[in-house]
Amino acid sequence: MLTPGNVSDVKAAPALLERAGPMRYLLGDKGYDADLLRHLAREAGATPVIPGRRNRKRAIRYDEQRYRSRHLIENAFCRLKDFRRVHTRYDKLAANFLSTLALATAVAFWL
């Protein structure tokens, strides 16, 4: 059953982890700091690289060098969102949106 309203990313992450292929690391920002998500990542064979929130009682250790490289992924999404059609998602069908995203990726990173 679908719940009305927006779902936070950390609640949607387990479903995405099930569909993701094999991975060595799972990178995320402090918004993904959840023990369940860390547990699911370890079960999938991935090492979570997610810093803990400030209000955590027990500090979380993570690979700071690998976390710093996360900005490359953020930059790629930011560059794709420069295309208004991608940013606002005009396409209603997922197939059409994927095609638009593929074109935007080709223009942004290849040309």
PDB file of N, CA and C in Angstrom:
ATOM      1  N   MET A   1       0.837  -1.175   0.000  1.00  0.00           N
ATOM      2  CA  MET A   1       0.000   0.000   0.000  1.00  0.00           C
ATOM      3  C   MET A   1       0.883   1.240   0.000  1.00  0.00           C
ATOM      4  N   LEU A   2       0.581   2.182  -0.850  1.00  0.00           N
ATOM      5  CA  LEU A   2       1.340   3.422  -0.916  1.00  0.00           C
ATOM      6  C   LEU A   2       0.839   4.394   0.133  1.00  0.00           C
ATOM      7  N   THR A   3       1.768   5.104   0.743  1.00  0.00           N
ATOM      8  CA  THR A   3       1.380   6.109   1.719  1.00  0.00           C
ATOM      9  C   THR A   3       1.305   7.457   1.024  1.00  0.00           C
ATOM     10  N   PRO A   4       0.362   8.284   1.411  1.00  0.00           N
ATOM     11  CA  PRO A   4       0.257   9.594   0.777  1.00  0.00           C
ATOM     12  C   PRO A   4       1.396  10.516   1.205  1.00  0.00           C
ATOM     13  N   GLY A   5       1.706  11.459   0.361  1.00  0.00           N
ATOM     14  CA  GLY A   5       2.732  12.435   0.699  1.00  0.00           C
ATOM     15  C   GLY A   5       4.114  11.993   0.279  1.00  0.00           C
ATOM     16  N   ASN A   6       5.069  12.781   0.645  1.00  0.00           N
ATOM     17  CA  ASN A   6       6.460  12.493   0.303  1.00  0.00           C
ATOM     18  C   ASN A   6       7.053  11.474   1.256  1.00  0.00           C
ATOM     19  N   VAL A   7       7.952  10.693   0.733  1.00  0.00           N
ATOM     20  CA  VAL A   7       8.673   9.718   1.540  1.00  0.00           C
ATOM     21  C   VAL A   7      10.127  10.159   1.561  1.00  0.00           C
ATOM     22  N   SER A   8      10.708  10.185   2.741  1.00  0.00           N
ATOM     23  CA  SER A   8      12.103  10.619   2.820  1.00  0.00           C
ATOM     24  C   SER A   8      13.006   9.615   2.118  1.00  0.00           C
ATOM     25  N   ASP A   9      14.154  10.090   1.691  1.00  0.00           N
ATOM     26  CA  ASP A   9      15.078   9.231   0.943  1.00  0.00           C
ATOM     27  C   ASP A   9      15.550   8.041   1.757  1.00  0.00           C
ATOM     28  N   VAL A  10      15.771   8.240   3.039  1.00  0.00           N
ATOM     29  CA  VAL A  10      16.282   7.142   3.848  1.00  0.00           C
ATOM     30  C   VAL A  10      15.231   6.039   3.990  1.00  0.00           C
ATOM     31  N   LYS A  11      13.955   6.354   3.887  1.00  0.00           N
ATOM     32  CA  LYS A  11      12.909   5.330   3.937  1.00  0.00           C
ATOM     33  C   LYS A  11      12.790   4.601   2.607  1.00  0.00           C
ATOM     34  N   ALA A  12      13.117   5.264   1.518  1.00  0.00           N
ATOM     35  CA  ALA A  12      13.047   4.638   0.197  1.00  0.00           C
ATOM     36  C   ALA A  12      14.327   3.878  -0.139  1.00  0.00           C
ATOM     37  N   ALA A  13      15.389   4.093   0.603  1.00  0.00           N
ATOM     38  CA  ALA A  13      16.692   3.492   0.301  1.00  0.00           C
ATOM     39  C   ALA A  13      16.690   1.966   0.342  1.00  0.00           C
ATOM     40  N   PRO A  14      16.028   1.294   1.297  1.00  0.00           N
ATOM     41  CA  PRO A  14      16.059  -0.174   1.273  1.00  0.00           C
ATOM     42  C   PRO A  14      15.521  -0.765  -0.024  1.00  0.00           C
ATOM     43  N   ALA A  15      14.469  -0.191  -0.571  1.00  0.00           N
ATOM     44  CA  ALA A  15      13.922  -0.701  -1.838  1.00  0.00           C
ATOM     45  C   ALA A  15      14.924  -0.492  -2.967  1.00  0.00           C
ATOM     46  N   LEU A  16      15.636   0.617  -2.939  1.00  0.00           N
ATOM     47  CA  LEU A  16      16.645   0.867  -3.965  1.00  0.00           C
ATOM     48  C   LEU A  16      17.841  -0.069  -3.812  1.00  0.00           C
ATOM     49  N   LEU A  17      18.217  -0.380  -2.587  1.00  0.00           N
ATOM     50  CA  LEU A  17      19.328  -1.308  -2.352  1.00  0.00           C
ATOM     51  C   LEU A  17      19.022  -2.696  -2.892  1.00  0.00           C
ATOM     52  N   GLU A  18      17.752  -3.105  -2.806  1.00  0.00           N
ATOM     53  CA  GLU A  18      17.369  -4.416  -3.330  1.00  0.00           C
ATOM     54  C   GLU A  18      17.583  -4.488  -4.842  1.00  0.00           C
ATOM     55  N   ARG A  19      17.305  -3.385  -5.536  1.00  0.00           N
ATOM     56  CA  ARG A  19      17.421  -3.366  -6.998  1.00  0.00           C
ATOM     57  C   ARG A  19      18.831  -3.058  -7.481  1.00  0.00           C
ATOM     58  N   ALA A  20      19.639  -2.475  -6.632  1.00  0.00           N
ATOM     59  CA  ALA A  20      21.004  -2.130  -7.036  1.00  0.00           C
ATOM     60  C   ALA A  20      21.819  -3.414  -7.187  1.00  0.00           C
ATOM     61  N   GLY A  21      22.742  -3.378  -8.072  1.00  0.00           N
ATOM     62  CA  GLY A  21      23.608  -4.535  -8.262  1.00  0.00           C
ATOM     63  C   GLY A  21      24.653  -4.606  -7.162  1.00  0.00           C
ATOM     64  N   PRO A  22      25.608  -5.475  -7.346  1.00  0.00           N
ATOM     65  CA  PRO A  22      26.662  -5.586  -6.340  1.00  0.00           C
ATOM     66  C   PRO A  22      27.480  -4.298  -6.255  1.00  0.00           C
ATOM     67  N   MET A  23      27.837  -3.918  -5.051  1.00  0.00           N
ATOM     68  CA  MET A  23      28.618  -2.702  -4.842  1.00  0.00           C
ATOM     69  C   MET A  23      29.597  -2.926  -3.697  1.00  0.00           C
ATOM     70  N   ARG A  24      30.675  -2.171  -3.753  1.00  0.00           N
ATOM     71  CA  ARG A  24      31.668  -2.277  -2.676  1.00  0.00           C
ATOM     72  C   ARG A  24      31.433  -1.246  -1.588  1.00  0.00           C
ATOM     73  N   TYR A  25      30.967  -0.058  -1.972  1.00  0.00           N
ATOM     74  CA  TYR A  25      30.749   1.016  -1.012  1.00  0.00           C
ATOM     75  C   TYR A  25      29.390   1.652  -1.246  1.00  0.00           C
ATOM     76  N   LEU A  26      28.777   2.117  -0.184  1.00  0.00           N
ATOM     77  CA  LEU A  26      27.539   2.881  -0.260  1.00  0.00           C
ATOM     78  C   LEU A  26      27.828   4.255   0.328  1.00  0.00           C
ATOM     79  N   LEU A  27      27.860   5.268  -0.537  1.00  0.00           N
ATOM     80  CA  LEU A  27      28.158   6.620  -0.090  1.00  0.00           C
ATOM     81  C   LEU A  27      26.865   7.382   0.142  1.00  0.00           C
ATOM     82  N   GLY A  28      26.824   8.162   1.193  1.00  0.00           N
ATOM     83  CA  GLY A  28      25.654   8.972   1.484  1.00  0.00           C
ATOM     84  C   GLY A  28      26.024  10.088   2.441  1.00  0.00           C
ATOM     85  N   ASP A  29      25.176  11.109   2.488  1.00  0.00           N
ATOM     86  CA  ASP A  29      25.444  12.197   3.415  1.00  0.00           C
ATOM     87  C   ASP A  29      24.746  11.913   4.745  1.00  0.00           C
ATOM     88  N   LYS A  30      24.774  12.892   5.629  1.00  0.00           N
ATOM     89  CA  LYS A  30      24.239  12.687   6.974  1.00  0.00           C
ATOM     90  C   LYS A  30      22.740  12.401   6.989  1.00  0.00           C
ATOM     91  N   GLY A  31      22.053  12.759   5.925  1.00  0.00           N
ATOM     92  CA  GLY A  31      20.624  12.466   5.848  1.00  0.00           C
ATOM     93  C   GLY A  31      20.328  10.973   5.763  1.00  0.00           C
ATOM     94  N   TYR A  32      21.312  10.181   5.397  1.00  0.00           N
ATOM     95  CA  TYR A  32      21.152   8.728   5.290  1.00  0.00           C
ATOM     96  C   TYR A  32      21.694   8.002   6.513  1.00  0.00           C
ATOM     97  N   ASP A  33      21.932   8.726   7.590  1.00  0.00           N
ATOM     98  CA  ASP A  33      22.456   8.132   8.810  1.00  0.00           C
ATOM     99  C   ASP A  33      21.336   7.380   9.526  1.00  0.00           C
ATOM    100  N   ALA A  34      21.254   6.085   9.259  1.00  0.00           N
ATOM    101  CA  ALA A  34      20.267   5.218   9.912  1.00  0.00           C
ATOM    102  C   ALA A  34      20.903   3.851  10.108  1.00  0.00           C
ATOM    103  N   ASP A  35      20.711   3.294  11.284  1.00  0.00           N
ATOM    104  CA  ASP A  35      21.304   1.988  11.579  1.00  0.00           C
ATOM    105  C   ASP A  35      20.767   0.906  10.652  1.00  0.00           C
ATOM    106  N   LEU A  36      19.482   0.975  10.307  1.00  0.00           N
ATOM    107  CA  LEU A  36      18.898  -0.025   9.409  1.00  0.00           C
ATOM    108  C   LEU A  36      19.552   0.020   8.033  1.00  0.00           C
ATOM    109  N   LEU A  37      19.780   1.203   7.528  1.00  0.00           N
ATOM    110  CA  LEU A  37      20.408   1.338   6.214  1.00  0.00           C
ATOM    111  C   LEU A  37      21.845   0.806   6.250  1.00  0.00           C
ATOM    112  N   ARG A  38      22.562   1.101   7.300  1.00  0.00           N
ATOM    113  CA  ARG A  38      23.931   0.567   7.435  1.00  0.00           C
ATOM    114  C   ARG A  38      23.909  -0.960   7.486  1.00  0.00           C
ATOM    115  N   HIS A  39      22.960  -1.503   8.215  1.00  0.00           N
ATOM    116  CA  HIS A  39      22.843  -2.957   8.333  1.00  0.00           C
ATOM    117  C   HIS A  39      22.520  -3.589   6.977  1.00  0.00           C
ATOM    118  N   LEU A  40      21.579  -3.004   6.253  1.00  0.00           N
ATOM    119  CA  LEU A  40      21.216  -3.529   4.933  1.00  0.00           C
ATOM    120  C   LEU A  40      22.380  -3.439   3.951  1.00  0.00           C
ATOM    121  N   ALA A  41      23.155  -2.365   4.033  1.00  0.00           N
ATOM    122  CA  ALA A  41      24.318  -2.224   3.150  1.00  0.00           C
ATOM    123  C   ALA A  41      25.340  -3.312   3.442  1.00  0.00           C
ATOM    124  N   ARG A  42      25.578  -3.568   4.724  1.00  0.00           N
ATOM    125  CA  ARG A  42      26.545  -4.624   5.082  1.00  0.00           C
ATOM    126  C   ARG A  42      26.057  -6.000   4.653  1.00  0.00           C
ATOM    127  N   GLU A  43      24.756  -6.238   4.765  1.00  0.00           N
ATOM    128  CA  GLU A  43      24.199  -7.520   4.304  1.00  0.00           C
ATOM    129  C   GLU A  43      24.388  -7.699   2.803  1.00  0.00           C
ATOM    130  N   ALA A  44      24.327  -6.581   2.055  1.00  0.00           N
ATOM    131  CA  ALA A  44      24.500  -6.629   0.601  1.00  0.00           C
ATOM    132  C   ALA A  44      25.973  -6.710   0.214  1.00  0.00           C
ATOM    133  N   GLY A  45      26.866  -6.690   1.197  1.00  0.00           N
ATOM    134  CA  GLY A  45      28.291  -6.798   0.918  1.00  0.00           C
ATOM    135  C   GLY A  45      28.975  -5.464   0.682  1.00  0.00           C
ATOM    136  N   ALA A  46      28.305  -4.370   1.002  1.00  0.00           N
ATOM    137  CA  ALA A  46      28.868  -3.030   0.792  1.00  0.00           C
ATOM    138  C   ALA A  46      29.312  -2.437   2.124  1.00  0.00           C
ATOM    139  N   THR A  47      30.303  -1.583   2.050  1.00  0.00           N
ATOM    140  CA  THR A  47      30.753  -0.850   3.225  1.00  0.00           C
ATOM    141  C   THR A  47      30.081   0.514   3.218  1.00  0.00           C
ATOM    142  N   PRO A  48      29.290   0.834   4.248  1.00  0.00           N
ATOM    143  CA  PRO A  48      28.646   2.150   4.265  1.00  0.00           C
ATOM    144  C   PRO A  48      29.657   3.257   4.574  1.00  0.00           C
ATOM    145  N   VAL A  49      29.652   4.297   3.754  1.00  0.00           N
ATOM    146  CA  VAL A  49      30.496   5.474   3.968  1.00  0.00           C
ATOM    147  C   VAL A  49      29.545   6.645   4.191  1.00  0.00           C
ATOM    148  N   ILE A  50      29.002   6.696   5.391  1.00  0.00           N
ATOM    149  CA  ILE A  50      27.994   7.694   5.753  1.00  0.00           C
ATOM    150  C   ILE A  50      28.385   8.275   7.110  1.00  0.00           C
ATOM    151  N   PRO A  51      28.640   9.561   7.175  1.00  0.00           N
ATOM    152  CA  PRO A  51      28.981  10.144   8.476  1.00  0.00           C
ATOM    153  C   PRO A  51      27.760  10.174   9.388  1.00  0.00           C
ATOM    154  N   GLY A  52      28.007  10.128  10.679  1.00  0.00           N
ATOM    155  CA  GLY A  52      26.917  10.184  11.642  1.00  0.00           C
ATOM    156  C   GLY A  52      26.455  11.613  11.868  1.00  0.00           C
ATOM    157  N   ARG A  53      25.225  11.750  12.280  1.00  0.00           N
ATOM    158  CA  ARG A  53      24.704  13.074  12.620  1.00  0.00           C
ATOM    159  C   ARG A  53      25.352  13.565  13.899  1.00  0.00           C
ATOM    160  N   ARG A  54      25.257  14.852  14.096  1.00  0.00           N
ATOM    161  CA  ARG A  54      25.867  15.468  15.278  1.00  0.00           C
ATOM    162  C   ARG A  54      25.234  14.986  16.570  1.00  0.00           C
ATOM    163  N   ASN A  55      23.950  14.692  16.547  1.00  0.00           N
ATOM    164  CA  ASN A  55      23.259  14.332  17.778  1.00  0.00           C
ATOM    165  C   ASN A  55      23.321  12.837  18.104  1.00  0.00           C
ATOM    166  N   ARG A  56      24.143  12.086  17.388  1.00  0.00           N
ATOM    167  CA  ARG A  56      24.310  10.659  17.689  1.00  0.00           C
ATOM    168  C   ARG A  56      25.033  10.484  19.014  1.00  0.00           C
ATOM    169  N   LYS A  57      24.590   9.542  19.815  1.00  0.00           N
ATOM    170  CA  LYS A  57      25.231   9.310  21.109  1.00  0.00           C
ATOM    171  C   LYS A  57      26.595   8.648  20.941  1.00  0.00           C
ATOM    172  N   ARG A  58      26.684   7.729  19.974  1.00  0.00           N
ATOM    173  CA  ARG A  58      27.949   7.031  19.712  1.00  0.00           C
ATOM    174  C   ARG A  58      28.461   7.476  18.345  1.00  0.00           C
ATOM    175  N   ALA A  59      29.676   7.942  18.294  1.00  0.00           N
ATOM    176  CA  ALA A  59      30.242   8.422  17.025  1.00  0.00           C
ATOM    177  C   ALA A  59      30.400   7.266  16.036  1.00  0.00           C
ATOM    178  N   ILE A  60      30.165   7.571  14.771  1.00  0.00           N
ATOM    179  CA  ILE A  60      30.274   6.577  13.694  1.00  0.00           C
ATOM    180  C   ILE A  60      31.598   6.801  12.973  1.00  0.00           C
ATOM    181  N   ARG A  61      32.342   5.731  12.771  1.00  0.00           N
ATOM    182  CA  ARG A  61      33.581   5.826  12.000  1.00  0.00           C
ATOM    183  C   ARG A  61      33.265   5.565  10.535  1.00  0.00           C
ATOM    184  N   TYR A  62      33.903   6.323   9.665  1.00  0.00           N
ATOM    185  CA  TYR A  62      33.704   6.154   8.225  1.00  0.00           C
ATOM    186  C   TYR A  62      34.979   6.589   7.519  1.00  0.00           C
ATOM    187  N   ASP A  63      35.123   6.185   6.281  1.00  0.00           N
ATOM    188  CA  ASP A  63      36.300   6.501   5.464  1.00  0.00           C
ATOM    189  C   ASP A  63      36.185   7.941   4.944  1.00  0.00           C
ATOM    190  N   GLU A  64      36.887   8.856   5.581  1.00  0.00           N
ATOM    191  CA  GLU A  64      36.773  10.278   5.230  1.00  0.00           C
ATOM    192  C   GLU A  64      37.311  10.570   3.835  1.00  0.00           C
ATOM    193  N   GLN A  65      38.355   9.884   3.411  1.00  0.00           N
ATOM    194  CA  GLN A  65      38.909  10.095   2.065  1.00  0.00           C
ATOM    195  C   GLN A  65      37.881   9.721   0.994  1.00  0.00           C
ATOM    196  N   ARG A  66      37.251   8.586   1.178  1.00  0.00           N
ATOM    197  CA  ARG A  66      36.251   8.135   0.208  1.00  0.00           C
ATOM    198  C   ARG A  66      35.022   9.045   0.249  1.00  0.00           C
ATOM    199  N   TYR A  67      34.677   9.544   1.417  1.00  0.00           N
ATOM    200  CA  TYR A  67      33.521  10.437   1.539  1.00  0.00           C
ATOM    201  C   TYR A  67      33.770  11.746   0.802  1.00  0.00           C
ATOM    202  N   ARG A  68      34.987  12.234   0.788  1.00  0.00           N
ATOM    203  CA  ARG A  68      35.307  13.483   0.096  1.00  0.00           C
ATOM    204  C   ARG A  68      35.088  13.359  -1.408  1.00  0.00           C
ATOM    205  N   SER A  69      35.252  12.165  -1.956  1.00  0.00           N
ATOM    206  CA  SER A  69      35.061  11.988  -3.396  1.00  0.00           C
ATOM    207  C   SER A  69      33.574  11.982  -3.782  1.00  0.00           C
ATOM    208  N   ARG A  70      32.684  12.002  -2.792  1.00  0.00           N
ATOM    209  CA  ARG A  70      31.248  12.005  -3.054  1.00  0.00           C
ATOM    210  C   ARG A  70      30.804  13.252  -3.805  1.00  0.00           C
ATOM    211  N   HIS A  71      31.583  14.331  -3.682  1.00  0.00           N
ATOM    212  CA  HIS A  71      31.199  15.577  -4.362  1.00  0.00           C
ATOM    213  C   HIS A  71      31.169  15.424  -5.883  1.00  0.00           C
ATOM    214  N   LEU A  72      31.921  14.471  -6.426  1.00  0.00           N
ATOM    215  CA  LEU A  72      31.887  14.233  -7.870  1.00  0.00           C
ATOM    216  C   LEU A  72      30.499  13.771  -8.318  1.00  0.00           C
ATOM    217  N   ILE A  73      29.880  12.936  -7.516  1.00  0.00           N
ATOM    218  CA  ILE A  73      28.537  12.462  -7.826  1.00  0.00           C
ATOM    219  C   ILE A  73      27.550  13.617  -7.720  1.00  0.00           C
ATOM    220  N   GLU A  74      27.692  14.416  -6.665  1.00  0.00           N
ATOM    221  CA  GLU A  74      26.811  15.575  -6.486  1.00  0.00           C
ATOM    222  C   GLU A  74      26.963  16.552  -7.649  1.00  0.00           C
ATOM    223  N   ASN A  75      28.188  16.756  -8.106  1.00  0.00           N
ATOM    224  CA  ASN A  75      28.421  17.668  -9.233  1.00  0.00           C
ATOM    225  C   ASN A  75      27.761  17.157 -10.505  1.00  0.00           C
ATOM    226  N   ALA A  76      27.781  15.842 -10.711  1.00  0.00           N
ATOM    227  CA  ALA A  76      27.158  15.268 -11.906  1.00  0.00           C
ATOM    228  C   ALA A  76      25.644  15.505 -11.890  1.00  0.00           C
ATOM    229  N   PHE A  77      25.006  15.294 -10.748  1.00  0.00           N
ATOM    230  CA  PHE A  77      23.563  15.552 -10.648  1.00  0.00           C
ATOM    231  C   PHE A  77      23.262  17.027 -10.842  1.00  0.00           C
ATOM    232  N   CYS A  78      24.092  17.882 -10.291  1.00  0.00           N
ATOM    233  CA  CYS A  78      23.889  19.315 -10.439  1.00  0.00           C
ATOM    234  C   CYS A  78      23.991  19.724 -11.913  1.00  0.00           C
ATOM    235  N   ARG A  79      24.936  19.140 -12.609  1.00  0.00           N
ATOM    236  CA  ARG A  79      25.110  19.468 -14.026  1.00  0.00           C
ATOM    237  C   ARG A  79      23.928  18.984 -14.861  1.00  0.00           C
ATOM    238  N   LEU A  80      23.378  17.834 -14.525  1.00  0.00           N
ATOM    239  CA  LEU A  80      22.199  17.339 -15.240  1.00  0.00           C
ATOM    240  C   LEU A  80      20.978  18.209 -14.962  1.00  0.00           C
ATOM    241  N   LYS A  81      20.901  18.746 -13.763  1.00  0.00           N
ATOM    242  CA  LYS A  81      19.749  19.575 -13.420  1.00  0.00           C
ATOM    243  C   LYS A  81      19.828  20.965 -14.036  1.00  0.00           C
ATOM    244  N   ASP A  82      20.919  21.272 -14.726  1.00  0.00           N
ATOM    245  CA  ASP A  82      20.986  22.515 -15.494  1.00  0.00           C
ATOM    246  C   ASP A  82      20.003  22.481 -16.659  1.00  0.00           C
ATOM    247  N   PHE A  83      19.624  21.286 -17.073  1.00  0.00           N
ATOM    248  CA  PHE A  83      18.639  21.124 -18.131  1.00  0.00           C
ATOM    249  C   PHE A  83      17.246  21.207 -17.505  1.00  0.00           C
ATOM    250  N   ARG A  84      16.511  22.222 -17.899  1.00  0.00           N
ATOM    251  CA  ARG A  84      15.227  22.499 -17.271  1.00  0.00           C
ATOM    252  C   ARG A  84      14.264  21.323 -17.364  1.00  0.00           C
ATOM    253  N   ARG A  85      14.271  20.648 -18.487  1.00  0.00           N
ATOM    254  CA  ARG A  85      13.350  19.523 -18.678  1.00  0.00           C
ATOM    255  C   ARG A  85      13.670  18.384 -17.699  1.00  0.00           C
ATOM    256  N   VAL A  86      14.922  18.193 -17.366  1.00  0.00           N
ATOM    257  CA  VAL A  86      15.305  17.164 -16.401  1.00  0.00           C
ATOM    258  C   VAL A  86      14.971  17.644 -14.991  1.00  0.00           C
ATOM    259  N   HIS A  87      15.291  18.896 -14.718  1.00  0.00           N
ATOM    260  CA  HIS A  87      15.112  19.450 -13.376  1.00  0.00           C
ATOM    261  C   HIS A  87      13.640  19.444 -12.942  1.00  0.00           C
ATOM    262  N   THR A  88      12.744  19.814 -13.838  1.00  0.00           N
ATOM    263  CA  THR A  88      11.337  19.904 -13.480  1.00  0.00           C
ATOM    264  C   THR A  88      10.547  18.652 -13.827  1.00  0.00           C
ATOM    265  N   ARG A  89      11.166  17.712 -14.534  1.00  0.00           N
ATOM    266  CA  ARG A  89      10.556  16.456 -14.960  1.00  0.00           C
ATOM    267  C   ARG A  89       9.208  16.672 -15.631  1.00  0.00           C
ATOM    268  N   TYR A  90       9.285  17.226 -16.834  1.00  0.00           N
ATOM    269  CA  TYR A  90       8.074  17.449 -17.619  1.00  0.00           C
ATOM    270  C   TYR A  90       7.452  16.141 -18.099  1.00  0.00           C
ATOM    271  N   ASP A  91       8.267  15.139 -18.342  1.00  0.00           N
ATOM    272  CA  ASP A  91       7.769  13.887 -18.905  1.00  0.00           C
ATOM    273  C   ASP A  91       7.010  13.092 -17.851  1.00  0.00           C
ATOM    274  N   LYS A  92       5.844  12.612 -18.209  1.00  0.00           N
ATOM    275  CA  LYS A  92       5.048  11.830 -17.272  1.00  0.00           C
ATOM    276  C   LYS A  92       5.466  10.356 -17.265  1.00  0.00           C
ATOM    277  N   LEU A  93       5.849   9.840 -18.421  1.00  0.00           N
ATOM    278  CA  LEU A  93       6.233   8.434 -18.512  1.00  0.00           C
ATOM    279  C   LEU A  93       7.705   8.255 -18.164  1.00  0.00           C
ATOM    280  N   ALA A  94       7.998   7.207 -17.425  1.00  0.00           N
ATOM    281  CA  ALA A  94       9.378   6.950 -16.996  1.00  0.00           C
ATOM    282  C   ALA A  94      10.295   6.718 -18.197  1.00  0.00           C
ATOM    283  N   ALA A  95       9.779   6.048 -19.235  1.00  0.00           N
ATOM    284  CA  ALA A  95      10.596   5.778 -20.423  1.00  0.00           C
ATOM    285  C   ALA A  95      10.989   7.077 -21.126  1.00  0.00           C
ATOM    286  N   ASN A  96      10.051   8.010 -21.212  1.00  0.00           N
ATOM    287  CA  ASN A  96      10.362   9.297 -21.838  1.00  0.00           C
ATOM    288  C   ASN A  96      11.355  10.094 -21.000  1.00  0.00           C
ATOM    289  N   PHE A  97      11.195  10.044 -19.681  1.00  0.00           N
ATOM    290  CA  PHE A  97      12.125  10.763 -18.811  1.00  0.00           C
ATOM    291  C   PHE A  97      13.524  10.178 -18.911  1.00  0.00           C
ATOM    292  N   LEU A  98      13.619   8.858 -18.986  1.00  0.00           N
ATOM    293  CA  LEU A  98      14.919   8.206 -19.123  1.00  0.00           C
ATOM    294  C   LEU A  98      15.590   8.601 -20.432  1.00  0.00           C
ATOM    295  N   SER A  99      14.803   8.723 -21.503  1.00  0.00           N
ATOM    296  CA  SER A  99      15.352   9.164 -22.788  1.00  0.00           C
ATOM    297  C   SER A  99      15.862  10.598 -22.698  1.00  0.00           C
ATOM    298  N   THR A 100      15.100  11.463 -22.050  1.00  0.00           N
ATOM    299  CA  THR A 100      15.527  12.851 -21.860  1.00  0.00           C
ATOM    300  C   THR A 100      16.799  12.908 -21.028  1.00  0.00           C
ATOM    301  N   LEU A 101      16.857  12.090 -20.004  1.00  0.00           N
ATOM    302  CA  LEU A 101      18.041  12.039 -19.150  1.00  0.00           C
ATOM    303  C   LEU A 101      19.263  11.548 -19.923  1.00  0.00           C
ATOM    304  N   ALA A 102      19.062  10.568 -20.799  1.00  0.00           N
ATOM    305  CA  ALA A 102      20.170  10.058 -21.616  1.00  0.00           C
ATOM    306  C   ALA A 102      20.681  11.134 -22.573  1.00  0.00           C
ATOM    307  N   LEU A 103      19.768  11.883 -23.183  1.00  0.00           N
ATOM    308  CA  LEU A 103      20.180  12.976 -24.069  1.00  0.00           C
ATOM    309  C   LEU A 103      20.920  14.069 -23.303  1.00  0.00           C
ATOM    310  N   ALA A 104      20.410  14.434 -22.150  1.00  0.00           N
ATOM    311  CA  ALA A 104      21.054  15.456 -21.332  1.00  0.00           C
ATOM    312  C   ALA A 104      22.441  15.008 -20.898  1.00  0.00           C
ATOM    313  N   THR A 105      22.577  13.717 -20.558  1.00  0.00           N
ATOM    314  CA  THR A 105      23.877  13.190 -20.169  1.00  0.00           C
ATOM    315  C   THR A 105      24.855  13.244 -21.315  1.00  0.00           C
ATOM    316  N   ALA A 106      24.394  12.893 -22.520  1.00  0.00           N
ATOM    317  CA  ALA A 106      25.266  12.938 -23.692  1.00  0.00           C
ATOM    318  C   ALA A 106      25.731  14.364 -23.978  1.00  0.00           C
ATOM    319  N   VAL A 107      24.818  15.317 -23.886  1.00  0.00           N
ATOM    320  CA  VAL A 107      25.182  16.709 -24.165  1.00  0.00           C
ATOM    321  C   VAL A 107      26.087  17.263 -23.060  1.00  0.00           C
ATOM    322  N   ALA A 108      25.777  16.975 -21.813  1.00  0.00           N
ATOM    323  CA  ALA A 108      26.523  17.556 -20.696  1.00  0.00           C
ATOM    324  C   ALA A 108      27.920  16.990 -20.550  1.00  0.00           C
ATOM    325  N   PHE A 109      28.095  15.696 -20.799  1.00  0.00           N
ATOM    326  CA  PHE A 109      29.381  15.068 -20.502  1.00  0.00           C
ATOM    327  C   PHE A 109      30.169  14.632 -21.720  1.00  0.00           C
ATOM    328  N   TRP A 110      29.561  14.642 -22.882  1.00  0.00           N
ATOM    329  CA  TRP A 110      30.290  14.188 -24.052  1.00  0.00           C
ATOM    330  C   TRP A 110      30.618  15.339 -24.982  1.00  0.00           C
ATOM    331  N   LEU A 111      29.706  16.264 -25.151  1.00  0.00           N
ATOM    332  CA  LEU A 111      29.936  17.375 -26.073  1.00  0.00           C
ATOM    333  C   LEU A 111      30.675  18.514 -25.411  1.00  0.00           C
TER     334      LEU A 111
END
